[in-house]
Amino acid sequence: MYVTQASWKSEIFQSVVGFLPDWAQGTALGVFVLAVLAAWAVKLKRKLAYHRAVRTGQPIPEAARGAQGRGADHLGSYAPRPRQDDTTA
């Protein structure tokens, strides 16, 4: 008989939940499931916004792209000044 072994993720989750009292184990499991469902919903919402923007020919929203931009995009007043090419040399 072939028995599959649990993944390392489920082993860690079971060991962490095993330390909790019985009344907290159900709550921890519920919070974990809620977090997974929320992450799935956000991912689905971004995917739908991306496809809707592509279909209508609109620019793709930043949140739908999933990109955070570059570090220089968030420097504000600390950003270096743009260089001006010196063509007189």
PDB file of N, CA and C in Angstrom:
ATOM      1  N   MET A   1       0.842  -1.179   0.000  1.00  0.00           N
ATOM      2  CA  MET A   1       0.000   0.000   0.000  1.00  0.00           C
ATOM      3  C   MET A   1       0.884   1.238   0.000  1.00  0.00           C
ATOM      4  N   TYR A   2       0.555   2.196  -0.852  1.00  0.00           N
ATOM      5  CA  TYR A   2       1.332   3.420  -0.992  1.00  0.00           C
ATOM      6  C   TYR A   2       0.704   4.522  -0.145  1.00  0.00           C
ATOM      7  N   VAL A   3       1.498   5.110   0.751  1.00  0.00           N
ATOM      8  CA  VAL A   3       1.011   6.183   1.617  1.00  0.00           C
ATOM      9  C   VAL A   3       1.759   7.452   1.257  1.00  0.00           C
ATOM     10  N   THR A   4       1.009   8.505   0.926  1.00  0.00           N
ATOM     11  CA  THR A   4       1.659   9.770   0.600  1.00  0.00           C
ATOM     12  C   THR A   4       2.047  10.485   1.888  1.00  0.00           C
ATOM     13  N   GLN A   5       3.150  11.195   1.817  1.00  0.00           N
ATOM     14  CA  GLN A   5       3.593  11.956   2.972  1.00  0.00           C
ATOM     15  C   GLN A   5       3.100  13.386   2.847  1.00  0.00           C
ATOM     16  N   ALA A   6       2.898  14.015   3.982  1.00  0.00           N
ATOM     17  CA  ALA A   6       2.421  15.391   4.000  1.00  0.00           C
ATOM     18  C   ALA A   6       3.551  16.319   3.563  1.00  0.00           C
ATOM     19  N   SER A   7       3.170  17.445   2.975  1.00  0.00           N
ATOM     20  CA  SER A   7       4.174  18.412   2.555  1.00  0.00           C
ATOM     21  C   SER A   7       4.740  19.119   3.784  1.00  0.00           C
ATOM     22  N   TRP A   8       5.847  19.787   3.596  1.00  0.00           N
ATOM     23  CA  TRP A   8       6.489  20.469   4.722  1.00  0.00           C
ATOM     24  C   TRP A   8       5.619  21.609   5.234  1.00  0.00           C
ATOM     25  N   LYS A   9       4.824  22.203   4.348  1.00  0.00           N
ATOM     26  CA  LYS A   9       3.940  23.294   4.771  1.00  0.00           C
ATOM     27  C   LYS A   9       2.862  22.784   5.725  1.00  0.00           C
ATOM     28  N   SER A  10       2.252  21.663   5.364  1.00  0.00           N
ATOM     29  CA  SER A  10       1.200  21.141   6.230  1.00  0.00           C
ATOM     30  C   SER A  10       1.772  20.626   7.542  1.00  0.00           C
ATOM     31  N   GLU A  11       2.991  20.098   7.530  1.00  0.00           N
ATOM     32  CA  GLU A  11       3.635  19.641   8.760  1.00  0.00           C
ATOM     33  C   GLU A  11       3.876  20.812   9.703  1.00  0.00           C
ATOM     34  N   ILE A  12       4.358  21.927   9.168  1.00  0.00           N
ATOM     35  CA  ILE A  12       4.599  23.118   9.994  1.00  0.00           C
ATOM     36  C   ILE A  12       3.286  23.646  10.533  1.00  0.00           C
ATOM     37  N   PHE A  13       2.267  23.724   9.681  1.00  0.00           N
ATOM     38  CA  PHE A  13       0.962  24.223  10.124  1.00  0.00           C
ATOM     39  C   PHE A  13       0.389  23.350  11.230  1.00  0.00           C
ATOM     40  N   GLN A  14       0.472  22.036  11.076  1.00  0.00           N
ATOM     41  CA  GLN A  14      -0.064  21.132  12.089  1.00  0.00           C
ATOM     42  C   GLN A  14       0.711  21.232  13.401  1.00  0.00           C
ATOM     43  N   SER A  15       2.028  21.433  13.317  1.00  0.00           N
ATOM     44  CA  SER A  15       2.810  21.540  14.551  1.00  0.00           C
ATOM     45  C   SER A  15       2.513  22.849  15.276  1.00  0.00           C
ATOM     46  N   VAL A  16       2.306  23.933  14.526  1.00  0.00           N
ATOM     47  CA  VAL A  16       1.980  25.221  15.159  1.00  0.00           C
ATOM     48  C   VAL A  16       0.590  25.163  15.781  1.00  0.00           C
ATOM     49  N   VAL A  17      -0.376  24.624  15.052  1.00  0.00           N
ATOM     50  CA  VAL A  17      -1.738  24.533  15.565  1.00  0.00           C
ATOM     51  C   VAL A  17      -1.806  23.552  16.726  1.00  0.00           C
ATOM     52  N   GLY A  18      -0.951  22.550  16.729  1.00  0.00           N
ATOM     53  CA  GLY A  18      -0.940  21.569  17.813  1.00  0.00           C
ATOM     54  C   GLY A  18      -0.577  22.165  19.156  1.00  0.00           C
ATOM     55  N   PHE A  19       0.159  23.260  19.177  1.00  0.00           N
ATOM     56  CA  PHE A  19       0.531  23.902  20.431  1.00  0.00           C
ATOM     57  C   PHE A  19      -0.605  24.742  21.011  1.00  0.00           C
ATOM     58  N   LEU A  20      -1.576  25.074  20.205  1.00  0.00           N
ATOM     59  CA  LEU A  20      -2.681  25.913  20.661  1.00  0.00           C
ATOM     60  C   LEU A  20      -3.681  25.086  21.459  1.00  0.00           C
ATOM     61  N   PRO A  21      -4.387  25.729  22.380  1.00  0.00           N
ATOM     62  CA  PRO A  21      -5.465  24.999  23.080  1.00  0.00           C
ATOM     63  C   PRO A  21      -6.578  24.625  22.100  1.00  0.00           C
ATOM     64  N   ASP A  22      -7.401  23.686  22.499  1.00  0.00           N
ATOM     65  CA  ASP A  22      -8.449  23.175  21.608  1.00  0.00           C
ATOM     66  C   ASP A  22      -9.378  24.270  21.107  1.00  0.00           C
ATOM     67  N   TRP A  23      -9.751  25.212  21.973  1.00  0.00           N
ATOM     68  CA  TRP A  23     -10.690  26.248  21.574  1.00  0.00           C
ATOM     69  C   TRP A  23     -10.073  27.198  20.549  1.00  0.00           C
ATOM     70  N   ALA A  24      -8.734  27.334  20.532  1.00  0.00           N
ATOM     71  CA  ALA A  24      -8.075  28.258  19.613  1.00  0.00           C
ATOM     72  C   ALA A  24      -7.733  27.595  18.274  1.00  0.00           C
ATOM     73  N   GLN A  25      -7.725  26.282  18.247  1.00  0.00           N
ATOM     74  CA  GLN A  25      -7.361  25.602  16.996  1.00  0.00           C
ATOM     75  C   GLN A  25      -8.384  25.890  15.900  1.00  0.00           C
ATOM     76  N   GLY A  26      -9.649  25.859  16.233  1.00  0.00           N
ATOM     77  CA  GLY A  26     -10.688  26.154  15.245  1.00  0.00           C
ATOM     78  C   GLY A  26     -10.611  27.588  14.768  1.00  0.00           C
ATOM     79  N   THR A  27     -10.327  28.505  15.689  1.00  0.00           N
ATOM     80  CA  THR A  27     -10.200  29.913  15.316  1.00  0.00           C
ATOM     81  C   THR A  27      -9.006  30.124  14.396  1.00  0.00           C
ATOM     82  N   ALA A  28      -7.890  29.490  14.712  1.00  0.00           N
ATOM     83  CA  ALA A  28      -6.690  29.623  13.878  1.00  0.00           C
ATOM     84  C   ALA A  28      -6.941  29.067  12.485  1.00  0.00           C
ATOM     85  N   LEU A  29      -7.616  27.954  12.411  1.00  0.00           N
ATOM     86  CA  LEU A  29      -7.940  27.367  11.112  1.00  0.00           C
ATOM     87  C   LEU A  29      -8.871  28.288  10.324  1.00  0.00           C
ATOM     88  N   GLY A  30      -9.847  28.879  11.007  1.00  0.00           N
ATOM     89  CA  GLY A  30     -10.763  29.805  10.342  1.00  0.00           C
ATOM     90  C   GLY A  30     -10.058  31.043   9.825  1.00  0.00           C
ATOM     91  N   VAL A  31      -9.132  31.595  10.610  1.00  0.00           N
ATOM     92  CA  VAL A  31      -8.375  32.777  10.182  1.00  0.00           C
ATOM     93  C   VAL A  31      -7.501  32.430   8.981  1.00  0.00           C
ATOM     94  N   PHE A  32      -6.892  31.267   9.005  1.00  0.00           N
ATOM     95  CA  PHE A  32      -6.046  30.835   7.890  1.00  0.00           C
ATOM     96  C   PHE A  32      -6.866  30.691   6.609  1.00  0.00           C
ATOM     97  N   VAL A  33      -8.019  30.053   6.702  1.00  0.00           N
ATOM     98  CA  VAL A  33      -8.884  29.882   5.528  1.00  0.00           C
ATOM     99  C   VAL A  33      -9.367  31.231   5.023  1.00  0.00           C
ATOM    100  N   LEU A  34      -9.720  32.137   5.942  1.00  0.00           N
ATOM    101  CA  LEU A  34     -10.161  33.471   5.554  1.00  0.00           C
ATOM    102  C   LEU A  34      -9.050  34.231   4.836  1.00  0.00           C
ATOM    103  N   ALA A  35      -7.813  34.105   5.309  1.00  0.00           N
ATOM    104  CA  ALA A  35      -6.683  34.782   4.661  1.00  0.00           C
ATOM    105  C   ALA A  35      -6.447  34.237   3.255  1.00  0.00           C
ATOM    106  N   VAL A  36      -6.556  32.937   3.089  1.00  0.00           N
ATOM    107  CA  VAL A  36      -6.372  32.331   1.766  1.00  0.00           C
ATOM    108  C   VAL A  36      -7.475  32.790   0.815  1.00  0.00           C
ATOM    109  N   LEU A  37      -8.713  32.830   1.293  1.00  0.00           N
ATOM    110  CA  LEU A  37      -9.818  33.273   0.448  1.00  0.00           C
ATOM    111  C   LEU A  37      -9.693  34.755   0.089  1.00  0.00           C
ATOM    112  N   ALA A  38      -9.230  35.579   1.031  1.00  0.00           N
ATOM    113  CA  ALA A  38      -9.060  37.008   0.750  1.00  0.00           C
ATOM    114  C   ALA A  38      -7.968  37.214  -0.298  1.00  0.00           C
ATOM    115  N   ALA A  39      -6.864  36.486  -0.183  1.00  0.00           N
ATOM    116  CA  ALA A  39      -5.790  36.602  -1.169  1.00  0.00           C
ATOM    117  C   ALA A  39      -6.284  36.158  -2.548  1.00  0.00           C
ATOM    118  N   TRP A  40      -7.073  35.104  -2.578  1.00  0.00           N
ATOM    119  CA  TRP A  40      -7.620  34.618  -3.837  1.00  0.00           C
ATOM    120  C   TRP A  40      -8.561  35.654  -4.452  1.00  0.00           C
ATOM    121  N   ALA A  41      -9.377  36.300  -3.618  1.00  0.00           N
ATOM    122  CA  ALA A  41     -10.318  37.301  -4.121  1.00  0.00           C
ATOM    123  C   ALA A  41      -9.588  38.513  -4.683  1.00  0.00           C
ATOM    124  N   VAL A  42      -8.542  38.960  -4.018  1.00  0.00           N
ATOM    125  CA  VAL A  42      -7.772  40.110  -4.508  1.00  0.00           C
ATOM    126  C   VAL A  42      -7.101  39.769  -5.835  1.00  0.00           C
ATOM    127  N   LYS A  43      -6.553  38.580  -5.923  1.00  0.00           N
ATOM    128  CA  LYS A  43      -5.914  38.155  -7.171  1.00  0.00           C
ATOM    129  C   LYS A  43      -6.932  38.094  -8.312  1.00  0.00           C
ATOM    130  N   LEU A  44      -8.111  37.571  -8.032  1.00  0.00           N
ATOM    131  CA  LEU A  44      -9.156  37.489  -9.047  1.00  0.00           C
ATOM    132  C   LEU A  44      -9.626  38.879  -9.469  1.00  0.00           C
ATOM    133  N   LYS A  45      -9.753  39.786  -8.510  1.00  0.00           N
ATOM    134  CA  LYS A  45     -10.186  41.149  -8.821  1.00  0.00           C
ATOM    135  C   LYS A  45      -9.174  41.844  -9.733  1.00  0.00           C
ATOM    136  N   ARG A  46      -7.887  41.691  -9.440  1.00  0.00           N
ATOM    137  CA  ARG A  46      -6.852  42.288 -10.290  1.00  0.00           C
ATOM    138  C   ARG A  46      -6.848  41.684 -11.684  1.00  0.00           C
ATOM    139  N   LYS A  47      -7.055  40.385 -11.754  1.00  0.00           N
ATOM    140  CA  LYS A  47      -7.072  39.718 -13.052  1.00  0.00           C
ATOM    141  C   LYS A  47      -8.243  40.201 -13.895  1.00  0.00           C
ATOM    142  N   LEU A  48      -9.411  40.345 -13.271  1.00  0.00           N
ATOM    143  CA  LEU A  48     -10.574  40.840 -13.998  1.00  0.00           C
ATOM    144  C   LEU A  48     -10.377  42.288 -14.448  1.00  0.00           C
ATOM    145  N   ALA A  49      -9.784  43.123 -13.605  1.00  0.00           N
ATOM    146  CA  ALA A  49      -9.526  44.517 -13.984  1.00  0.00           C
ATOM    147  C   ALA A  49      -8.548  44.584 -15.152  1.00  0.00           C
ATOM    148  N   TYR A  50      -7.555  43.718 -15.148  1.00  0.00           N
ATOM    149  CA  TYR A  50      -6.584  43.683 -16.237  1.00  0.00           C
ATOM    150  C   TYR A  50      -7.261  43.296 -17.548  1.00  0.00           C
ATOM    151  N   HIS A  51      -8.062  42.234 -17.508  1.00  0.00           N
ATOM    152  CA  HIS A  51      -8.720  41.778 -18.737  1.00  0.00           C
ATOM    153  C   HIS A  51      -9.739  42.799 -19.236  1.00  0.00           C
ATOM    154  N   ARG A  52     -10.442  43.454 -18.318  1.00  0.00           N
ATOM    155  CA  ARG A  52     -11.411  44.478 -18.704  1.00  0.00           C
ATOM    156  C   ARG A  52     -10.702  45.656 -19.370  1.00  0.00           C
ATOM    157  N   ALA A  53      -9.537  46.063 -18.833  1.00  0.00           N
ATOM    158  CA  ALA A  53      -8.800  47.186 -19.412  1.00  0.00           C
ATOM    159  C   ALA A  53      -8.249  46.825 -20.786  1.00  0.00           C
ATOM    160  N   VAL A  54      -7.758  45.616 -20.940  1.00  0.00           N
ATOM    161  CA  VAL A  54      -7.222  45.184 -22.231  1.00  0.00           C
ATOM    162  C   VAL A  54      -8.331  45.111 -23.275  1.00  0.00           C
ATOM    163  N   ARG A  55      -9.488  44.607 -22.875  1.00  0.00           N
ATOM    164  CA  ARG A  55     -10.606  44.447 -23.803  1.00  0.00           C
ATOM    165  C   ARG A  55     -11.136  45.796 -24.287  1.00  0.00           C
ATOM    166  N   THR A  56     -11.166  46.796 -23.415  1.00  0.00           N
ATOM    167  CA  THR A  56     -11.711  48.100 -23.795  1.00  0.00           C
ATOM    168  C   THR A  56     -10.650  49.033 -24.362  1.00  0.00           C
ATOM    169  N   GLY A  57      -9.404  48.635 -24.343  1.00  0.00           N
ATOM    170  CA  GLY A  57      -8.342  49.458 -24.895  1.00  0.00           C
ATOM    171  C   GLY A  57      -7.896  50.577 -23.980  1.00  0.00           C
ATOM    172  N   GLN A  58      -8.243  50.510 -22.714  1.00  0.00           N
ATOM    173  CA  GLN A  58      -7.823  51.519 -21.744  1.00  0.00           C
ATOM    174  C   GLN A  58      -6.443  51.197 -21.209  1.00  0.00           C
ATOM    175  N   PRO A  59      -5.769  52.204 -20.644  1.00  0.00           N
ATOM    176  CA  PRO A  59      -4.491  51.896 -19.995  1.00  0.00           C
ATOM    177  C   PRO A  59      -4.725  50.970 -18.804  1.00  0.00           C
ATOM    178  N   ILE A  60      -3.804  50.088 -18.586  1.00  0.00           N
ATOM    179  CA  ILE A  60      -3.947  49.090 -17.527  1.00  0.00           C
ATOM    180  C   ILE A  60      -3.682  49.754 -16.178  1.00  0.00           C
ATOM    181  N   PRO A  61      -4.609  49.618 -15.209  1.00  0.00           N
ATOM    182  CA  PRO A  61      -4.394  50.212 -13.892  1.00  0.00           C
ATOM    183  C   PRO A  61      -3.171  49.625 -13.204  1.00  0.00           C
ATOM    184  N   GLU A  62      -2.524  50.430 -12.377  1.00  0.00           N
ATOM    185  CA  GLU A  62      -1.303  49.998 -11.688  1.00  0.00           C
ATOM    186  C   GLU A  62      -1.569  48.773 -10.816  1.00  0.00           C
ATOM    187  N   ALA A  63      -2.698  48.767 -10.115  1.00  0.00           N
ATOM    188  CA  ALA A  63      -3.007  47.639  -9.240  1.00  0.00           C
ATOM    189  C   ALA A  63      -3.230  46.360 -10.041  1.00  0.00           C
ATOM    190  N   ALA A  64      -3.770  46.489 -11.236  1.00  0.00           N
ATOM    191  CA  ALA A  64      -4.027  45.305 -12.051  1.00  0.00           C
ATOM    192  C   ALA A  64      -2.740  44.743 -12.626  1.00  0.00           C
ATOM    193  N   ARG A  65      -1.744  45.604 -12.805  1.00  0.00           N
ATOM    194  CA  ARG A  65      -0.462  45.132 -13.322  1.00  0.00           C
ATOM    195  C   ARG A  65       0.291  44.319 -12.293  1.00  0.00           C
ATOM    196  N   GLY A  66       0.036  44.574 -11.019  1.00  0.00           N
ATOM    197  CA  GLY A  66       0.747  43.855  -9.974  1.00  0.00           C
ATOM    198  C   GLY A  66       2.147  44.373  -9.759  1.00  0.00           C
ATOM    199  N   ALA A  67       2.492  45.461 -10.427  1.00  0.00           N
ATOM    200  CA  ALA A  67       3.834  46.009 -10.307  1.00  0.00           C
ATOM    201  C   ALA A  67       3.863  47.039  -9.196  1.00  0.00           C
ATOM    202  N   GLN A  68       5.004  47.144  -8.553  1.00  0.00           N
ATOM    203  CA  GLN A  68       5.160  48.122  -7.492  1.00  0.00           C
ATOM    204  C   GLN A  68       5.955  49.331  -7.962  1.00  0.00           C
ATOM    205  N   GLY A  69       6.462  49.264  -9.136  1.00  0.00           N
ATOM    206  CA  GLY A  69       7.279  50.364  -9.617  1.00  0.00           C
ATOM    207  C   GLY A  69       8.715  50.210  -9.147  1.00  0.00           C
ATOM    208  N   ARG A  70       9.511  51.194  -9.503  1.00  0.00           N
ATOM    209  CA  ARG A  70      10.907  51.171  -9.082  1.00  0.00           C
ATOM    210  C   ARG A  70      11.059  51.971  -7.804  1.00  0.00           C
ATOM    211  N   GLY A  71      12.167  51.806  -7.122  1.00  0.00           N
ATOM    212  CA  GLY A  71      12.419  52.553  -5.907  1.00  0.00           C
ATOM    213  C   GLY A  71      12.485  54.042  -6.172  1.00  0.00           C
ATOM    214  N   ALA A  72      13.014  54.435  -7.322  1.00  0.00           N
ATOM    215  CA  ALA A  72      13.134  55.851  -7.652  1.00  0.00           C
ATOM    216  C   ALA A  72      11.773  56.501  -7.869  1.00  0.00           C
ATOM    217  N   ASP A  73      10.746  55.708  -8.128  1.00  0.00           N
ATOM    218  CA  ASP A  73       9.415  56.260  -8.331  1.00  0.00           C
ATOM    219  C   ASP A  73       8.798  56.777  -7.029  1.00  0.00           C
ATOM    220  N   HIS A  74       9.341  56.337  -5.898  1.00  0.00           N
ATOM    221  CA  HIS A  74       8.747  56.668  -4.615  1.00  0.00           C
ATOM    222  C   HIS A  74       9.631  57.592  -3.780  1.00  0.00           C
ATOM    223  N   LEU A  75      10.634  58.196  -4.371  1.00  0.00           N
ATOM    224  CA  LEU A  75      11.557  59.037  -3.610  1.00  0.00           C
ATOM    225  C   LEU A  75      11.002  60.428  -3.346  1.00  0.00           C
ATOM    226  N   GLY A  76      10.087  60.878  -4.165  1.00  0.00           N
ATOM    227  CA  GLY A  76       9.485  62.186  -3.962  1.00  0.00           C
ATOM    228  C   GLY A  76      10.508  63.302  -4.102  1.00  0.00           C
ATOM    229  N   SER A  77      10.597  64.150  -3.076  1.00  0.00           N
ATOM    230  CA  SER A  77      11.504  65.296  -3.136  1.00  0.00           C
ATOM    231  C   SER A  77      12.967  64.876  -3.046  1.00  0.00           C
ATOM    232  N   TYR A  78      13.228  63.633  -2.659  1.00  0.00           N
ATOM    233  CA  TYR A  78      14.601  63.147  -2.541  1.00  0.00           C
ATOM    234  C   TYR A  78      15.134  62.552  -3.836  1.00  0.00           C
ATOM    235  N   ALA A  79      14.320  62.509  -4.857  1.00  0.00           N
ATOM    236  CA  ALA A  79      14.733  61.945  -6.134  1.00  0.00           C
ATOM    237  C   ALA A  79      15.818  62.819  -6.758  1.00  0.00           C
ATOM    238  N   PRO A  80      16.810  62.211  -7.394  1.00  0.00           N
ATOM    239  CA  PRO A  80      17.844  63.017  -8.047  1.00  0.00           C
ATOM    240  C   PRO A  80      17.262  63.788  -9.226  1.00  0.00           C
ATOM    241  N   ARG A  81      17.830  64.908  -9.481  1.00  0.00           N
ATOM    242  CA  ARG A  81      17.373  65.735 -10.595  1.00  0.00           C
ATOM    243  C   ARG A  81      17.721  65.037 -11.907  1.00  0.00           C
ATOM    244  N   PRO A  82      16.856  65.170 -12.913  1.00  0.00           N
ATOM    245  CA  PRO A  82      17.185  64.567 -14.219  1.00  0.00           C
ATOM    246  C   PRO A  82      18.410  65.225 -14.813  1.00  0.00           C
ATOM    247  N   ARG A  83      19.239  64.392 -15.405  1.00  0.00           N
ATOM    248  CA  ARG A  83      20.464  64.914 -16.013  1.00  0.00           C
ATOM    249  C   ARG A  83      20.144  65.602 -17.315  1.00  0.00           C
ATOM    250  N   GLN A  84      20.865  66.677 -17.575  1.00  0.00           N
ATOM    251  CA  GLN A  84      20.767  67.352 -18.868  1.00  0.00           C
ATOM    252  C   GLN A  84      22.061  67.076 -19.598  1.00  0.00           C
ATOM    253  N   ASP A  85      21.936  66.523 -20.780  1.00  0.00           N
ATOM    254  CA  ASP A  85      23.128  66.180 -21.553  1.00  0.00           C
ATOM    255  C   ASP A  85      23.882  67.457 -21.919  1.00  0.00           C
ATOM    256  N   ASP A  86      25.164  67.418 -21.664  1.00  0.00           N
ATOM    257  CA  ASP A  86      26.025  68.569 -22.001  1.00  0.00           C
ATOM    258  C   ASP A  86      26.580  68.349 -23.397  1.00  0.00           C
ATOM    259  N   THR A  87      25.986  68.984 -24.383  1.00  0.00           N
ATOM    260  CA  THR A  87      26.400  68.792 -25.772  1.00  0.00           C
ATOM    261  C   THR A  87      27.376  69.881 -26.227  1.00  0.00           C
ATOM    262  N   THR A  88      27.786  70.798 -25.341  1.00  0.00           N
ATOM    263  CA  THR A  88      28.693  71.880 -25.743  1.00  0.00           C
ATOM    264  C   THR A  88      30.158  71.473 -25.649  1.00  0.00           C
ATOM    265  N   ALA A  89      30.442  70.300 -25.104  1.00  0.00           N
ATOM    266  CA  ALA A  89      31.840  69.909 -24.908  1.00  0.00           C
ATOM    267  C   ALA A  89      32.496  69.443 -26.157  1.00  0.00           C
TER     268      ALA A  89
END
